[in-house]
Amino acid sequence: MTSDDVAEVLVTLTAAIASHREAEAARIPIVREDGSVAQADLVIGVGNDVLSAPIDWDGDEPDFSEAAANMRRHRHYPDQERAGVSRIAPQEEVGWDPDLDGWPGS
């Protein structure tokens, strides 16, 4: 499970990467069944389906806003393309590894 924000961005980014006939590795923050926070590794883009479905959540939703913001900075994310961004920001700033390793773990 992840936050609504991350799920929404993940679906949009997966479609955007697929529209460029590419696939990439990504790492997103998740909440395990025991409530602990972890990272999930996914391949997104061409040939990879992402499912986002609502669930009942007890308590406060985890704050994964930084991870969602990093995903929105990807060079293929729709707002970035409209803004004329041709490449993603440096890894130190965004946390995305352009060598297909995705986001570094915490």
Protein backbone atom coordinates (compact mmCIF):
# COMPACT_ATOMS: atom_id res chain seq x y z
CA MET A 1 0.00 0.00 0.00
CA THR A 2 1.11 3.54 -0.65
CA SER A 3 -0.41 7.00 -0.38
CA ASP A 4 -3.07 8.29 -2.76
CA ASP A 5 -0.60 10.92 -3.98
CA VAL A 6 2.10 8.38 -4.88
CA ALA A 7 -0.45 6.05 -6.50
CA GLU A 8 -1.86 8.84 -8.66
CA VAL A 9 1.58 9.98 -9.78
CA LEU A 10 2.72 6.39 -10.40
CA VAL A 11 -0.19 5.67 -12.74
CA THR A 12 0.38 8.94 -14.66
CA LEU A 13 4.13 8.42 -14.87
CA THR A 14 3.76 4.80 -16.00
CA ALA A 15 1.49 5.88 -18.86
CA ALA A 16 3.83 8.73 -19.80
CA ILE A 17 6.90 6.49 -19.90
CA ALA A 18 4.98 3.88 -21.91
CA SER A 19 3.93 6.56 -24.41
CA HIS A 20 7.65 6.99 -25.16
CA ARG A 21 7.96 3.21 -25.65
CA GLU A 22 10.25 2.94 -22.65
CA ALA A 23 10.30 1.11 -19.34
CA GLU A 24 12.20 2.06 -16.20
CA ALA A 25 12.78 0.80 -12.69
CA ALA A 26 11.26 2.83 -9.89
CA ARG A 27 11.22 2.57 -6.13
CA ILE A 28 8.20 3.86 -4.22
CA PRO A 29 7.42 4.14 -0.52
CA ILE A 30 4.90 1.65 0.83
CA VAL A 31 3.27 0.68 4.10
CA ARG A 32 3.47 -3.00 5.03
CA GLU A 33 0.62 -4.90 6.67
CA ASP A 34 2.26 -4.41 10.08
CA GLY A 35 2.24 -0.62 9.56
CA SER A 36 5.96 -0.25 8.95
CA VAL A 37 7.24 1.84 6.06
CA ALA A 38 9.35 0.19 3.35
CA GLN A 39 10.24 0.57 -0.33
CA ALA A 40 8.81 -1.38 -3.28
CA ASP A 41 10.72 -1.82 -6.54
CA LEU A 42 8.64 -1.71 -9.71
CA VAL A 43 9.26 -1.67 -13.43
CA ILE A 44 7.00 0.93 -15.02
CA GLY A 45 6.30 1.81 -18.64
CA VAL A 46 5.81 -0.37 -21.72
CA GLY A 47 4.59 -3.86 -20.92
CA ASN A 48 4.03 -3.16 -17.24
CA ASP A 49 0.61 -2.68 -15.71
CA VAL A 50 0.02 -0.62 -12.59
CA LEU A 51 -3.16 -1.05 -10.58
CA SER A 52 -4.35 1.60 -8.17
CA ALA A 53 -7.43 0.81 -6.09
CA PRO A 54 -8.80 2.51 -2.97
CA ILE A 55 -8.68 0.71 0.37
CA ASP A 56 -10.07 1.42 3.81
CA TRP A 57 -7.35 3.03 5.90
CA ASP A 58 -7.32 3.31 9.68
CA GLY A 59 -5.42 6.29 11.06
CA ASP A 60 -3.44 8.96 9.29
CA GLU A 61 -2.23 8.36 5.75
CA PRO A 62 1.58 8.29 5.60
CA ASP A 63 3.28 11.39 4.25
CA PHE A 64 4.95 10.29 1.05
CA SER A 65 4.63 13.72 -0.54
CA GLU A 66 8.38 14.03 -1.12
CA ALA A 67 8.44 10.79 -3.11
CA ALA A 68 5.44 11.92 -5.17
CA ALA A 69 7.10 15.29 -5.85
CA ASN A 70 10.26 13.49 -7.00
CA MET A 71 8.23 11.36 -9.40
CA ARG A 72 6.57 14.47 -10.83
CA ARG A 73 10.04 15.76 -11.77
CA HIS A 74 10.69 12.83 -14.10
CA ARG A 75 11.48 13.99 -17.64
CA HIS A 76 8.45 12.17 -19.08
CA TYR A 77 5.93 13.31 -16.48
CA PRO A 78 3.31 15.30 -18.44
CA ASP A 79 3.84 18.66 -16.69
CA GLN A 80 7.60 18.40 -17.24
CA GLU A 81 7.18 17.76 -20.96
CA ARG A 82 4.79 20.70 -21.38
CA ALA A 83 7.27 22.92 -19.57
CA GLY A 84 9.95 21.93 -22.08
CA VAL A 85 12.10 20.01 -19.61
CA SER A 86 14.24 17.69 -21.68
CA ARG A 87 16.10 15.90 -18.91
CA ILE A 88 15.50 15.05 -15.30
CA ALA A 89 17.18 17.06 -12.58
CA PRO A 90 20.40 15.69 -11.06
CA GLN A 91 20.02 12.62 -8.87
CA GLU A 92 21.13 14.48 -5.74
CA GLU A 93 18.23 16.89 -6.09
CA VAL A 94 15.49 14.49 -7.12
CA GLY A 95 16.57 11.05 -5.98
CA TRP A 96 15.88 9.40 -9.34
CA ASP A 97 18.63 7.32 -10.87
CA PRO A 98 18.64 7.69 -14.67
CA ASP A 99 20.56 4.41 -14.98
CA LEU A 100 17.26 2.60 -14.29
CA ASP A 101 17.98 1.92 -10.64
CA GLY A 102 15.00 4.03 -9.58
CA TRP A 103 14.93 5.94 -6.31
CA PRO A 104 17.56 5.14 -3.71
CA GLY A 105 16.34 3.33 -0.59
CA SER A 106 16.20 4.98 2.76
